[in-house]
Amino acid sequence: MVSTPVGYKCRECAKPVRTALQYVKPRQWAIGAVVGLVVGLGGGFLLGWVLGFGFWFAYLGHGLLVGEVVRRGTGGHRTPGVASLAGVCAFLGAVIGAFGPFGLVLSTGAAVFYVRSNRW
């Protein structure tokens, strides 16, 4: 028996329960990957083709957009794995769009930061 703030519990019942947002289902991974790659690669191609090199604000927006799309595609999960998926999608889009080293880091970092931040 373990003493808890609400009384005594067995060891099994006293263990903290992980939230449902820490379990990402395979279907959610697939949806997040597909929408992330579509937005990441499509956005990277369009930014690289239309704007060219040097628009760091657009690169930041690209990363934030990819992060939001992947987060919503996985059902709102903010796990490190989902953040990594968003980073990979933004990275691939930045490579396709030839953002250069600064834009590559900025876009990828923005996607990972956006997914891991606890805004709401």
PDB file of N, CA and C in Angstrom:
ATOM      1  N   MET A   1       0.842  -1.182   0.000  1.00  0.00           N
ATOM      2  CA  MET A   1       0.000   0.000   0.000  1.00  0.00           C
ATOM      3  C   MET A   1       0.890   1.249   0.000  1.00  0.00           C
ATOM      4  N   VAL A   2       0.390   2.264  -0.681  1.00  0.00           N
ATOM      5  CA  VAL A   2       1.109   3.521  -0.817  1.00  0.00           C
ATOM      6  C   VAL A   2       0.208   4.641  -0.325  1.00  0.00           C
ATOM      7  N   SER A   3       0.797   5.546   0.462  1.00  0.00           N
ATOM      8  CA  SER A   3       0.038   6.687   0.958  1.00  0.00           C
ATOM      9  C   SER A   3      -0.027   7.763  -0.128  1.00  0.00           C
ATOM     10  N   THR A   4      -1.226   8.216  -0.443  1.00  0.00           N
ATOM     11  CA  THR A   4      -1.431   9.272  -1.433  1.00  0.00           C
ATOM     12  C   THR A   4      -2.244  10.392  -0.793  1.00  0.00           C
ATOM     13  N   PRO A   5      -2.364  11.553  -1.431  1.00  0.00           N
ATOM     14  CA  PRO A   5      -3.158  12.643  -0.849  1.00  0.00           C
ATOM     15  C   PRO A   5      -4.626  12.283  -0.620  1.00  0.00           C
ATOM     16  N   VAL A   6      -5.137  11.297  -1.345  1.00  0.00           N
ATOM     17  CA  VAL A   6      -6.545  10.923  -1.181  1.00  0.00           C
ATOM     18  C   VAL A   6      -6.717   9.649  -0.372  1.00  0.00           C
ATOM     19  N   GLY A   7      -5.641   9.137   0.200  1.00  0.00           N
ATOM     20  CA  GLY A   7      -5.726   7.932   1.013  1.00  0.00           C
ATOM     21  C   GLY A   7      -4.732   6.892   0.542  1.00  0.00           C
ATOM     22  N   TYR A   8      -4.888   5.678   1.033  1.00  0.00           N
ATOM     23  CA  TYR A   8      -3.994   4.582   0.666  1.00  0.00           C
ATOM     24  C   TYR A   8      -4.488   3.894  -0.606  1.00  0.00           C
ATOM     25  N   LYS A   9      -3.503   3.582  -1.473  1.00  0.00           N
ATOM     26  CA  LYS A   9      -3.811   2.869  -2.709  1.00  0.00           C
ATOM     27  C   LYS A   9      -2.787   1.762  -2.897  1.00  0.00           C
ATOM     28  N   CYS A  10      -3.156   0.776  -3.692  1.00  0.00           N
ATOM     29  CA  CYS A  10      -2.179  -0.254  -4.036  1.00  0.00           C
ATOM     30  C   CYS A  10      -1.147   0.362  -4.987  1.00  0.00           C
ATOM     31  N   ARG A  11      -0.009  -0.303  -5.141  1.00  0.00           N
ATOM     32  CA  ARG A  11       1.064   0.256  -5.976  1.00  0.00           C
ATOM     33  C   ARG A  11       0.620   0.441  -7.434  1.00  0.00           C
ATOM     34  N   GLU A  12      -0.173  -0.462  -7.929  1.00  0.00           N
ATOM     35  CA  GLU A  12      -0.646  -0.371  -9.315  1.00  0.00           C
ATOM     36  C   GLU A  12      -1.553   0.840  -9.518  1.00  0.00           C
ATOM     37  N   CYS A  13      -2.450   1.087  -8.581  1.00  0.00           N
ATOM     38  CA  CYS A  13      -3.390   2.206  -8.703  1.00  0.00           C
ATOM     39  C   CYS A  13      -2.734   3.549  -8.406  1.00  0.00           C
ATOM     40  N   ALA A  14      -1.607   3.540  -7.698  1.00  0.00           N
ATOM     41  CA  ALA A  14      -0.941   4.785  -7.325  1.00  0.00           C
ATOM     42  C   ALA A  14      -0.038   5.320  -8.431  1.00  0.00           C
ATOM     43  N   LYS A  15       0.217   4.516  -9.460  1.00  0.00           N
ATOM     44  CA  LYS A  15       1.072   4.973 -10.555  1.00  0.00           C
ATOM     45  C   LYS A  15       0.378   6.086 -11.322  1.00  0.00           C
ATOM     46  N   PRO A  16       1.117   7.143 -11.698  1.00  0.00           N
ATOM     47  CA  PRO A  16       0.486   8.212 -12.481  1.00  0.00           C
ATOM     48  C   PRO A  16       0.103   7.714 -13.874  1.00  0.00           C
ATOM     49  N   VAL A  17      -1.030   8.142 -14.335  1.00  0.00           N
ATOM     50  CA  VAL A  17      -1.544   7.736 -15.639  1.00  0.00           C
ATOM     51  C   VAL A  17      -1.040   8.716 -16.695  1.00  0.00           C
ATOM     52  N   ARG A  18      -0.536   8.180 -17.802  1.00  0.00           N
ATOM     53  CA  ARG A  18      -0.095   9.038 -18.902  1.00  0.00           C
ATOM     54  C   ARG A  18      -1.318   9.565 -19.644  1.00  0.00           C
ATOM     55  N   THR A  19      -1.215  10.775 -20.133  1.00  0.00           N
ATOM     56  CA  THR A  19      -2.348  11.367 -20.829  1.00  0.00           C
ATOM     57  C   THR A  19      -2.550  10.708 -22.185  1.00  0.00           C
ATOM     58  N   ALA A  20      -3.734  10.851 -22.699  1.00  0.00           N
ATOM     59  CA  ALA A  20      -4.050  10.269 -24.006  1.00  0.00           C
ATOM     60  C   ALA A  20      -3.281  10.960 -25.126  1.00  0.00           C
ATOM     61  N   LEU A  21      -2.807  12.185 -24.892  1.00  0.00           N
ATOM     62  CA  LEU A  21      -2.065  12.899 -25.927  1.00  0.00           C
ATOM     63  C   LEU A  21      -0.654  12.352 -26.103  1.00  0.00           C
ATOM     64  N   GLN A  22      -0.230  11.427 -25.249  1.00  0.00           N
ATOM     65  CA  GLN A  22       1.094  10.844 -25.405  1.00  0.00           C
ATOM     66  C   GLN A  22       1.064   9.569 -26.231  1.00  0.00           C
ATOM     67  N   TYR A  23      -0.093   9.091 -26.585  1.00  0.00           N
ATOM     68  CA  TYR A  23      -0.230   7.893 -27.408  1.00  0.00           C
ATOM     69  C   TYR A  23      -0.730   8.298 -28.790  1.00  0.00           C
ATOM     70  N   VAL A  24       0.147   8.209 -29.767  1.00  0.00           N
ATOM     71  CA  VAL A  24      -0.219   8.563 -31.132  1.00  0.00           C
ATOM     72  C   VAL A  24      -0.497   7.266 -31.886  1.00  0.00           C
ATOM     73  N   LYS A  25      -1.684   7.157 -32.436  1.00  0.00           N
ATOM     74  CA  LYS A  25      -2.083   5.948 -33.156  1.00  0.00           C
ATOM     75  C   LYS A  25      -1.423   5.913 -34.535  1.00  0.00           C
ATOM     76  N   PRO A  26      -1.234   4.717 -35.094  1.00  0.00           N
ATOM     77  CA  PRO A  26      -0.610   4.616 -36.421  1.00  0.00           C
ATOM     78  C   PRO A  26      -1.353   5.401 -37.500  1.00  0.00           C
ATOM     79  N   ARG A  27      -2.665   5.423 -37.435  1.00  0.00           N
ATOM     80  CA  ARG A  27      -3.446   6.187 -38.419  1.00  0.00           C
ATOM     81  C   ARG A  27      -3.133   7.677 -38.300  1.00  0.00           C
ATOM     82  N   GLN A  28      -2.971   8.161 -37.069  1.00  0.00           N
ATOM     83  CA  GLN A  28      -2.650   9.570 -36.867  1.00  0.00           C
ATOM     84  C   GLN A  28      -1.241   9.887 -37.368  1.00  0.00           C
ATOM     85  N   TRP A  29      -0.291   8.954 -37.174  1.00  0.00           N
ATOM     86  CA  TRP A  29       1.052   9.146 -37.716  1.00  0.00           C
ATOM     87  C   TRP A  29       0.994   9.264 -39.236  1.00  0.00           C
ATOM     88  N   ALA A  30       0.215   8.391 -39.863  1.00  0.00           N
ATOM     89  CA  ALA A  30       0.126   8.392 -41.324  1.00  0.00           C
ATOM     90  C   ALA A  30      -0.493   9.688 -41.838  1.00  0.00           C
ATOM     91  N   ILE A  31      -1.571  10.126 -41.209  1.00  0.00           N
ATOM     92  CA  ILE A  31      -2.215  11.374 -41.635  1.00  0.00           C
ATOM     93  C   ILE A  31      -1.263  12.548 -41.442  1.00  0.00           C
ATOM     94  N   GLY A  32      -0.601  12.600 -40.292  1.00  0.00           N
ATOM     95  CA  GLY A  32       0.350  13.682 -40.031  1.00  0.00           C
ATOM     96  C   GLY A  32       1.490  13.699 -41.027  1.00  0.00           C
ATOM     97  N   ALA A  33       1.996  12.515 -41.379  1.00  0.00           N
ATOM     98  CA  ALA A  33       3.098  12.443 -42.336  1.00  0.00           C
ATOM     99  C   ALA A  33       2.659  12.886 -43.725  1.00  0.00           C
ATOM    100  N   VAL A  34       1.487  12.454 -44.147  1.00  0.00           N
ATOM    101  CA  VAL A  34       1.013  12.807 -45.490  1.00  0.00           C
ATOM    102  C   VAL A  34       0.764  14.305 -45.600  1.00  0.00           C
ATOM    103  N   VAL A  35       0.000  14.870 -44.669  1.00  0.00           N
ATOM    104  CA  VAL A  35      -0.292  16.302 -44.771  1.00  0.00           C
ATOM    105  C   VAL A  35       0.964  17.130 -44.541  1.00  0.00           C
ATOM    106  N   GLY A  36       1.854  16.669 -43.673  1.00  0.00           N
ATOM    107  CA  GLY A  36       3.105  17.391 -43.450  1.00  0.00           C
ATOM    108  C   GLY A  36       3.984  17.412 -44.683  1.00  0.00           C
ATOM    109  N   LEU A  37       4.086  16.276 -45.356  1.00  0.00           N
ATOM    110  CA  LEU A  37       4.896  16.228 -46.571  1.00  0.00           C
ATOM    111  C   LEU A  37       4.274  17.040 -47.698  1.00  0.00           C
ATOM    112  N   VAL A  38       2.960  16.994 -47.815  1.00  0.00           N
ATOM    113  CA  VAL A  38       2.300  17.780 -48.866  1.00  0.00           C
ATOM    114  C   VAL A  38       2.544  19.270 -48.644  1.00  0.00           C
ATOM    115  N   VAL A  39       2.306  19.736 -47.425  1.00  0.00           N
ATOM    116  CA  VAL A  39       2.490  21.163 -47.140  1.00  0.00           C
ATOM    117  C   VAL A  39       3.969  21.531 -47.140  1.00  0.00           C
ATOM    118  N   GLY A  40       4.809  20.674 -46.567  1.00  0.00           N
ATOM    119  CA  GLY A  40       6.238  20.967 -46.516  1.00  0.00           C
ATOM    120  C   GLY A  40       6.871  21.035 -47.891  1.00  0.00           C
ATOM    121  N   LEU A  41       6.636  20.009 -48.683  1.00  0.00           N
ATOM    122  CA  LEU A  41       7.233  19.979 -50.020  1.00  0.00           C
ATOM    123  C   LEU A  41       6.584  20.992 -50.954  1.00  0.00           C
ATOM    124  N   GLY A  42       5.260  21.087 -50.895  1.00  0.00           N
ATOM    125  CA  GLY A  42       4.570  22.064 -51.743  1.00  0.00           C
ATOM    126  C   GLY A  42       4.939  23.493 -51.391  1.00  0.00           C
ATOM    127  N   GLY A  43       4.936  23.790 -50.109  1.00  0.00           N
ATOM    128  CA  GLY A  43       5.305  25.138 -49.673  1.00  0.00           C
ATOM    129  C   GLY A  43       6.759  25.450 -49.963  1.00  0.00           C
ATOM    130  N   GLY A  44       7.630  24.465 -49.760  1.00  0.00           N
ATOM    131  CA  GLY A  44       9.045  24.675 -50.060  1.00  0.00           C
ATOM    132  C   GLY A  44       9.283  24.927 -51.536  1.00  0.00           C
ATOM    133  N   PHE A  45       8.603  24.169 -52.365  1.00  0.00           N
ATOM    134  CA  PHE A  45       8.746  24.357 -53.806  1.00  0.00           C
ATOM    135  C   PHE A  45       8.236  25.734 -54.221  1.00  0.00           C
ATOM    136  N   LEU A  46       7.056  26.113 -53.720  1.00  0.00           N
ATOM    137  CA  LEU A  46       6.495  27.414 -54.092  1.00  0.00           C
ATOM    138  C   LEU A  46       7.346  28.569 -53.584  1.00  0.00           C
ATOM    139  N   LEU A  47       7.810  28.481 -52.337  1.00  0.00           N
ATOM    140  CA  LEU A  47       8.644  29.565 -51.813  1.00  0.00           C
ATOM    141  C   LEU A  47       9.959  29.663 -52.566  1.00  0.00           C
ATOM    142  N   GLY A  48      10.560  28.530 -52.882  1.00  0.00           N
ATOM    143  CA  GLY A  48      11.815  28.552 -53.624  1.00  0.00           C
ATOM    144  C   GLY A  48      11.643  29.032 -55.052  1.00  0.00           C
ATOM    145  N   TRP A  49      10.518  28.699 -55.652  1.00  0.00           N
ATOM    146  CA  TRP A  49      10.283  29.060 -57.046  1.00  0.00           C
ATOM    147  C   TRP A  49       9.797  30.498 -57.179  1.00  0.00           C
ATOM    148  N   VAL A  50       8.888  30.917 -56.289  1.00  0.00           N
ATOM    149  CA  VAL A  50       8.293  32.247 -56.398  1.00  0.00           C
ATOM    150  C   VAL A  50       9.181  33.312 -55.763  1.00  0.00           C
ATOM    151  N   LEU A  51       9.616  33.069 -54.527  1.00  0.00           N
ATOM    152  CA  LEU A  51      10.337  34.107 -53.798  1.00  0.00           C
ATOM    153  C   LEU A  51      11.841  34.044 -53.982  1.00  0.00           C
ATOM    154  N   GLY A  52      12.368  32.859 -54.177  1.00  0.00           N
ATOM    155  CA  GLY A  52      13.810  32.722 -54.294  1.00  0.00           C
ATOM    156  C   GLY A  52      14.482  32.767 -52.934  1.00  0.00           C
ATOM    157  N   PHE A  53      15.766  33.089 -52.926  1.00  0.00           N
ATOM    158  CA  PHE A  53      16.563  33.060 -51.705  1.00  0.00           C
ATOM    159  C   PHE A  53      16.488  34.405 -50.980  1.00  0.00           C
ATOM    160  N   GLY A  54      16.423  34.385 -49.667  1.00  0.00           N
ATOM    161  CA  GLY A  54      16.545  35.614 -48.898  1.00  0.00           C
ATOM    162  C   GLY A  54      15.308  36.073 -48.166  1.00  0.00           C
ATOM    163  N   PHE A  55      14.225  35.380 -48.240  1.00  0.00           N
ATOM    164  CA  PHE A  55      13.009  35.792 -47.554  1.00  0.00           C
ATOM    165  C   PHE A  55      12.862  34.998 -46.258  1.00  0.00           C
ATOM    166  N   TRP A  56      13.609  35.400 -45.244  1.00  0.00           N
ATOM    167  CA  TRP A  56      13.644  34.634 -43.991  1.00  0.00           C
ATOM    168  C   TRP A  56      12.300  34.635 -43.285  1.00  0.00           C
ATOM    169  N   PHE A  57      11.521  35.686 -43.435  1.00  0.00           N
ATOM    170  CA  PHE A  57      10.209  35.727 -42.781  1.00  0.00           C
ATOM    171  C   PHE A  57       9.280  34.676 -43.384  1.00  0.00           C
ATOM    172  N   ALA A  58       9.371  34.476 -44.681  1.00  0.00           N
ATOM    173  CA  ALA A  58       8.568  33.443 -45.342  1.00  0.00           C
ATOM    174  C   ALA A  58       9.021  32.052 -44.910  1.00  0.00           C
ATOM    175  N   TYR A  59      10.318  31.872 -44.679  1.00  0.00           N
ATOM    176  CA  TYR A  59      10.830  30.581 -44.221  1.00  0.00           C
ATOM    177  C   TYR A  59      10.309  30.266 -42.825  1.00  0.00           C
ATOM    178  N   LEU A  60      10.261  31.276 -41.987  1.00  0.00           N
ATOM    179  CA  LEU A  60       9.722  31.099 -40.640  1.00  0.00           C
ATOM    180  C   LEU A  60       8.244  30.717 -40.712  1.00  0.00           C
ATOM    181  N   GLY A  61       7.493  31.395 -41.558  1.00  0.00           N
ATOM    182  CA  GLY A  61       6.083  31.068 -41.744  1.00  0.00           C
ATOM    183  C   GLY A  61       5.885  29.664 -42.294  1.00  0.00           C
ATOM    184  N   HIS A  62       6.774  29.245 -43.182  1.00  0.00           N
ATOM    185  CA  HIS A  62       6.712  27.883 -43.728  1.00  0.00           C
ATOM    186  C   HIS A  62       6.852  26.858 -42.607  1.00  0.00           C
ATOM    187  N   GLY A  63       7.810  27.052 -41.730  1.00  0.00           N
ATOM    188  CA  GLY A  63       8.012  26.122 -40.624  1.00  0.00           C
ATOM    189  C   GLY A  63       6.834  26.093 -39.669  1.00  0.00           C
ATOM    190  N   LEU A  64       6.288  27.265 -39.359  1.00  0.00           N
ATOM    191  CA  LEU A  64       5.132  27.321 -38.463  1.00  0.00           C
ATOM    192  C   LEU A  64       3.915  26.651 -39.090  1.00  0.00           C
ATOM    193  N   LEU A  65       3.719  26.859 -40.371  1.00  0.00           N
ATOM    194  CA  LEU A  65       2.586  26.235 -41.062  1.00  0.00           C
ATOM    195  C   LEU A  65       2.725  24.710 -41.085  1.00  0.00           C
ATOM    196  N   VAL A  66       3.908  24.225 -41.378  1.00  0.00           N
ATOM    197  CA  VAL A  66       4.131  22.777 -41.392  1.00  0.00           C
ATOM    198  C   VAL A  66       3.915  22.201 -39.995  1.00  0.00           C
ATOM    199  N   GLY A  67       4.410  22.881 -38.970  1.00  0.00           N
ATOM    200  CA  GLY A  67       4.205  22.417 -37.600  1.00  0.00           C
ATOM    201  C   GLY A  67       2.738  22.335 -37.230  1.00  0.00           C
ATOM    202  N   GLU A  68       1.970  23.348 -37.606  1.00  0.00           N
ATOM    203  CA  GLU A  68       0.533  23.357 -37.297  1.00  0.00           C
ATOM    204  C   GLU A  68      -0.204  22.252 -38.047  1.00  0.00           C
ATOM    205  N   VAL A  69       0.123  22.057 -39.309  1.00  0.00           N
ATOM    206  CA  VAL A  69      -0.553  21.033 -40.108  1.00  0.00           C
ATOM    207  C   VAL A  69      -0.251  19.635 -39.562  1.00  0.00           C
ATOM    208  N   VAL A  70       0.995  19.382 -39.206  1.00  0.00           N
ATOM    209  CA  VAL A  70       1.349  18.069 -38.656  1.00  0.00           C
ATOM    210  C   VAL A  70       0.683  17.871 -37.298  1.00  0.00           C
ATOM    211  N   ARG A  71       0.671  18.899 -36.461  1.00  0.00           N
ATOM    212  CA  ARG A  71       0.038  18.790 -35.146  1.00  0.00           C
ATOM    213  C   ARG A  71      -1.446  18.486 -35.288  1.00  0.00           C
ATOM    214  N   ARG A  72      -2.121  19.191 -36.169  1.00  0.00           N
ATOM    215  CA  ARG A  72      -3.552  18.931 -36.375  1.00  0.00           C
ATOM    216  C   ARG A  72      -3.794  17.586 -37.048  1.00  0.00           C
ATOM    217  N   GLY A  73      -2.913  17.207 -37.942  1.00  0.00           N
ATOM    218  CA  GLY A  73      -3.054  15.922 -38.623  1.00  0.00           C
ATOM    219  C   GLY A  73      -2.914  14.736 -37.683  1.00  0.00           C
ATOM    220  N   THR A  74      -2.144  14.897 -36.620  1.00  0.00           N
ATOM    221  CA  THR A  74      -1.979  13.817 -35.643  1.00  0.00           C
ATOM    222  C   THR A  74      -2.975  13.923 -34.507  1.00  0.00           C
ATOM    223  N   GLY A  75      -3.944  14.781 -34.623  1.00  0.00           N
ATOM    224  CA  GLY A  75      -4.973  14.874 -33.592  1.00  0.00           C
ATOM    225  C   GLY A  75      -4.595  15.765 -32.432  1.00  0.00           C
ATOM    226  N   GLY A  76      -3.696  16.702 -32.620  1.00  0.00           N
ATOM    227  CA  GLY A  76      -3.326  17.636 -31.564  1.00  0.00           C
ATOM    228  C   GLY A  76      -2.198  17.162 -30.669  1.00  0.00           C
ATOM    229  N   HIS A  77      -1.519  16.103 -31.033  1.00  0.00           N
ATOM    230  CA  HIS A  77      -0.434  15.573 -30.208  1.00  0.00           C
ATOM    231  C   HIS A  77       0.778  16.486 -30.274  1.00  0.00           C
ATOM    232  N   ARG A  78       1.491  16.605 -29.140  1.00  0.00           N
ATOM    233  CA  ARG A  78       2.684  17.443 -29.052  1.00  0.00           C
ATOM    234  C   ARG A  78       3.878  16.649 -28.537  1.00  0.00           C
ATOM    235  N   THR A  79       3.958  15.394 -28.879  1.00  0.00           N
ATOM    236  CA  THR A  79       5.044  14.550 -28.403  1.00  0.00           C
ATOM    237  C   THR A  79       6.333  14.869 -29.160  1.00  0.00           C
ATOM    238  N   PRO A  80       7.483  14.468 -28.616  1.00  0.00           N
ATOM    239  CA  PRO A  80       8.738  14.678 -29.348  1.00  0.00           C
ATOM    240  C   PRO A  80       8.748  13.996 -30.716  1.00  0.00           C
ATOM    241  N   GLY A  81       8.079  12.868 -30.841  1.00  0.00           N
ATOM    242  CA  GLY A  81       8.016  12.191 -32.138  1.00  0.00           C
ATOM    243  C   GLY A  81       7.262  12.997 -33.178  1.00  0.00           C
ATOM    244  N   VAL A  82       6.168  13.624 -32.767  1.00  0.00           N
ATOM    245  CA  VAL A  82       5.394  14.462 -33.690  1.00  0.00           C
ATOM    246  C   VAL A  82       6.212  15.698 -34.065  1.00  0.00           C
ATOM    247  N   ALA A  83       6.943  16.252 -33.097  1.00  0.00           N
ATOM    248  CA  ALA A  83       7.801  17.399 -33.393  1.00  0.00           C
ATOM    249  C   ALA A  83       8.897  17.009 -34.380  1.00  0.00           C
ATOM    250  N   SER A  84       9.438  15.811 -34.226  1.00  0.00           N
ATOM    251  CA  SER A  84      10.455  15.334 -35.162  1.00  0.00           C
ATOM    252  C   SER A  84       9.874  15.152 -36.562  1.00  0.00           C
ATOM    253  N   LEU A  85       8.657  14.622 -36.626  1.00  0.00           N
ATOM    254  CA  LEU A  85       7.990  14.460 -37.922  1.00  0.00           C
ATOM    255  C   LEU A  85       7.787  15.818 -38.594  1.00  0.00           C
ATOM    256  N   ALA A  86       7.359  16.810 -37.833  1.00  0.00           N
ATOM    257  CA  ALA A  86       7.181  18.157 -38.385  1.00  0.00           C
ATOM    258  C   ALA A  86       8.514  18.731 -38.846  1.00  0.00           C
ATOM    259  N   GLY A  87       9.566  18.490 -38.072  1.00  0.00           N
ATOM    260  CA  GLY A  87      10.889  18.968 -38.457  1.00  0.00           C
ATOM    261  C   GLY A  87      11.380  18.337 -39.744  1.00  0.00           C
ATOM    262  N   VAL A  88      11.151  17.044 -39.897  1.00  0.00           N
ATOM    263  CA  VAL A  88      11.571  16.351 -41.121  1.00  0.00           C
ATOM    264  C   VAL A  88      10.795  16.879 -42.325  1.00  0.00           C
ATOM    265  N   CYS A  89       9.495  17.075 -42.164  1.00  0.00           N
ATOM    266  CA  CYS A  89       8.680  17.591 -43.275  1.00  0.00           C
ATOM    267  C   CYS A  89       9.119  19.000 -43.669  1.00  0.00           C
ATOM    268  N   ALA A  90       9.379  19.856 -42.679  1.00  0.00           N
ATOM    269  CA  ALA A  90       9.841  21.213 -42.977  1.00  0.00           C
ATOM    270  C   ALA A  90      11.233  21.184 -43.600  1.00  0.00           C
ATOM    271  N   PHE A  91      12.088  20.292 -43.112  1.00  0.00           N
ATOM    272  CA  PHE A  91      13.440  20.164 -43.646  1.00  0.00           C
ATOM    273  C   PHE A  91      13.413  19.751 -45.113  1.00  0.00           C
ATOM    274  N   LEU A  92      12.595  18.743 -45.428  1.00  0.00           N
ATOM    275  CA  LEU A  92      12.504  18.293 -46.818  1.00  0.00           C
ATOM    276  C   LEU A  92      11.950  19.389 -47.722  1.00  0.00           C
ATOM    277  N   GLY A  93      10.977  20.141 -47.222  1.00  0.00           N
ATOM    278  CA  GLY A  93      10.457  21.257 -48.002  1.00  0.00           C
ATOM    279  C   GLY A  93      11.498  22.334 -48.222  1.00  0.00           C
ATOM    280  N   ALA A  94      12.316  22.574 -47.204  1.00  0.00           N
ATOM    281  CA  ALA A  94      13.369  23.578 -47.330  1.00  0.00           C
ATOM    282  C   ALA A  94      14.451  23.120 -48.300  1.00  0.00           C
ATOM    283  N   VAL A  95      14.747  21.836 -48.313  1.00  0.00           N
ATOM    284  CA  VAL A  95      15.739  21.311 -49.260  1.00  0.00           C
ATOM    285  C   VAL A  95      15.210  21.420 -50.689  1.00  0.00           C
ATOM    286  N   ILE A  96      13.935  21.057 -50.891  1.00  0.00           N
ATOM    287  CA  ILE A  96      13.333  21.152 -52.222  1.00  0.00           C
ATOM    288  C   ILE A  96      13.317  22.608 -52.691  1.00  0.00           C
ATOM    289  N   GLY A  97      12.991  23.519 -51.790  1.00  0.00           N
ATOM    290  CA  GLY A  97      12.912  24.927 -52.151  1.00  0.00           C
ATOM    291  C   GLY A  97      14.249  25.631 -52.197  1.00  0.00           C
ATOM    292  N   ALA A  98      15.331  24.933 -51.873  1.00  0.00           N
ATOM    293  CA  ALA A  98      16.678  25.516 -51.869  1.00  0.00           C
ATOM    294  C   ALA A  98      16.712  26.784 -51.031  1.00  0.00           C
ATOM    295  N   PHE A  99      16.276  26.663 -49.763  1.00  0.00           N
ATOM    296  CA  PHE A  99      16.224  27.822 -48.872  1.00  0.00           C
ATOM    297  C   PHE A  99      17.605  28.315 -48.470  1.00  0.00           C
ATOM    298  N   GLY A 100      18.616  27.510 -48.619  1.00  0.00           N
ATOM    299  CA  GLY A 100      19.936  27.871 -48.138  1.00  0.00           C
ATOM    300  C   GLY A 100      20.075  27.449 -46.682  1.00  0.00           C
ATOM    301  N   PRO A 101      21.295  27.515 -46.118  1.00  0.00           N
ATOM    302  CA  PRO A 101      21.498  27.012 -44.757  1.00  0.00           C
ATOM    303  C   PRO A 101      20.700  27.769 -43.698  1.00  0.00           C
ATOM    304  N   PHE A 102      20.595  29.075 -43.815  1.00  0.00           N
ATOM    305  CA  PHE A 102      19.858  29.855 -42.819  1.00  0.00           C
ATOM    306  C   PHE A 102      18.367  29.541 -42.873  1.00  0.00           C
ATOM    307  N   GLY A 103      17.797  29.522 -44.055  1.00  0.00           N
ATOM    308  CA  GLY A 103      16.381  29.206 -44.200  1.00  0.00           C
ATOM    309  C   GLY A 103      16.068  27.777 -43.811  1.00  0.00           C
ATOM    310  N   LEU A 104      17.002  26.877 -44.064  1.00  0.00           N
ATOM    311  CA  LEU A 104      16.834  25.474 -43.698  1.00  0.00           C
ATOM    312  C   LEU A 104      16.701  25.326 -42.188  1.00  0.00           C
ATOM    313  N   VAL A 105      17.609  25.944 -41.453  1.00  0.00           N
ATOM    314  CA  VAL A 105      17.580  25.874 -39.987  1.00  0.00           C
ATOM    315  C   VAL A 105      16.363  26.610 -39.444  1.00  0.00           C
ATOM    316  N   LEU A 106      16.048  27.758 -39.999  1.00  0.00           N
ATOM    317  CA  LEU A 106      14.923  28.557 -39.511  1.00  0.00           C
ATOM    318  C   LEU A 106      13.597  27.834 -39.717  1.00  0.00           C
ATOM    319  N   SER A 107      13.381  27.276 -40.869  1.00  0.00           N
ATOM    320  CA  SER A 107      12.125  26.586 -41.154  1.00  0.00           C
ATOM    321  C   SER A 107      11.980  25.323 -40.307  1.00  0.00           C
ATOM    322  N   THR A 108      13.035  24.530 -40.222  1.00  0.00           N
ATOM    323  CA  THR A 108      12.988  23.293 -39.434  1.00  0.00           C
ATOM    324  C   THR A 108      12.816  23.596 -37.954  1.00  0.00           C
ATOM    325  N   GLY A 109      13.569  24.555 -37.451  1.00  0.00           N
ATOM    326  CA  GLY A 109      13.458  24.928 -36.035  1.00  0.00           C
ATOM    327  C   GLY A 109      12.090  25.475 -35.686  1.00  0.00           C
ATOM    328  N   ALA A 110      11.506  26.251 -36.577  1.00  0.00           N
ATOM    329  CA  ALA A 110      10.175  26.807 -36.318  1.00  0.00           C
ATOM    330  C   ALA A 110       9.130  25.707 -36.250  1.00  0.00           C
ATOM    331  N   ALA A 111       9.231  24.713 -37.110  1.00  0.00           N
ATOM    332  CA  ALA A 111       8.262  23.608 -37.099  1.00  0.00           C
ATOM    333  C   ALA A 111       8.351  22.813 -35.803  1.00  0.00           C
ATOM    334  N   VAL A 112       9.569  22.495 -35.374  1.00  0.00           N
ATOM    335  CA  VAL A 112       9.750  21.725 -34.138  1.00  0.00           C
ATOM    336  C   VAL A 112       9.311  22.543 -32.932  1.00  0.00           C
ATOM    337  N   PHE A 113       9.696  23.811 -32.888  1.00  0.00           N
ATOM    338  CA  PHE A 113       9.314  24.666 -31.760  1.00  0.00           C
ATOM    339  C   PHE A 113       7.804  24.811 -31.667  1.00  0.00           C
ATOM    340  N   TYR A 114       7.154  24.970 -32.806  1.00  0.00           N
ATOM    341  CA  TYR A 114       5.704  25.170 -32.800  1.00  0.00           C
ATOM    342  C   TYR A 114       4.974  23.957 -32.238  1.00  0.00           C
ATOM    343  N   VAL A 115       5.405  22.777 -32.625  1.00  0.00           N
ATOM    344  CA  VAL A 115       4.734  21.570 -32.136  1.00  0.00           C
ATOM    345  C   VAL A 115       4.997  21.376 -30.647  1.00  0.00           C
ATOM    346  N   ARG A 116       6.201  21.664 -30.176  1.00  0.00           N
ATOM    347  CA  ARG A 116       6.540  21.425 -28.777  1.00  0.00           C
ATOM    348  C   ARG A 116       6.059  22.524 -27.836  1.00  0.00           C
ATOM    349  N   SER A 117       5.711  23.703 -28.341  1.00  0.00           N
ATOM    350  CA  SER A 117       5.260  24.785 -27.462  1.00  0.00           C
ATOM    351  C   SER A 117       3.863  24.474 -26.943  1.00  0.00           C
ATOM    352  N   ASN A 118       3.603  24.883 -25.739  1.00  0.00           N
ATOM    353  CA  ASN A 118       2.291  24.656 -25.116  1.00  0.00           C
ATOM    354  C   ASN A 118       1.515  25.965 -25.105  1.00  0.00           C
ATOM    355  N   ARG A 119       1.086  26.386 -26.273  1.00  0.00           N
ATOM    356  CA  ARG A 119       0.383  27.660 -26.372  1.00  0.00           C
ATOM    357  C   ARG A 119      -0.999  27.600 -25.768  1.00  0.00           C
ATOM    358  N   TRP A 120      -1.691  26.496 -25.874  1.00  0.00           N
ATOM    359  CA  TRP A 120      -3.040  26.391 -25.329  1.00  0.00           C
ATOM    360  C   TRP A 120      -3.294  25.032 -24.793  1.00  0.00           C
TER     361      TRP A 120
END
